[in-house]
Amino acid sequence: METTSSGSAREVEILRQNAGATHRIVKLNLEGITQEDSLIQPRPAGNCLNWVVGHLLNTYNQILPLLGQQPVMEKGALSRYARGAGPLQNSEGALALSALMAAWDLAASRVDAGLASLTPSVLDAPAPMSPRNDPNETVRSLLALVTFHQAYHAGQTGILRRMAGKEGALA
């Protein structure tokens, strides 16, 4: 079995810390949020909290196989939350926030386990896909993009929490 170099081990630890922080921020921002709260639409445009959480989960669900982990939901179960999907206008098509959060916890655990098992050769390997259409995308650069993406949307959950009339979750 290949071992990680100290540089790669530090990179993996940073990815794990970022993913862990994102998981905690989303959890904090969803405390006390009801299904109805999660469907409040930002105006004049944007996605509701339910969509953002589903989108975060959809992203992890897609990346889990790259990390040697099983997706937490069946393929297609989160298609309503895919990039480019229109905003949820009502409860039709929205998954229960409680189900999304349970899957979010499981996905975060699997992401952490998958990240912990990465080797330098896996990090250096060509990525199986590139959201940026970068022909030189590696697993390393893709994972850096994914952790940024997740943190970006985790920040949105704080704003959407306040739109639902809740106090900020972070002190």
Foldseek 3Di string as FASTA:
>chain_A
DFDADPVLQVLLVVLLVLLVVLLVLLVLLCVPAAQVLQQDADPPHDAGNLLLLLLLLVLLQVCLVLLVHHRLDDPPLSPCNHPPRGHDNDCVPGDGPVVSNVSSVVSSVSVNVSSNPDHPVQQCAADPDDPVPDRRHGNVNVSVVSSVVSNVSSVVSQVSSVVSVDDGRDD
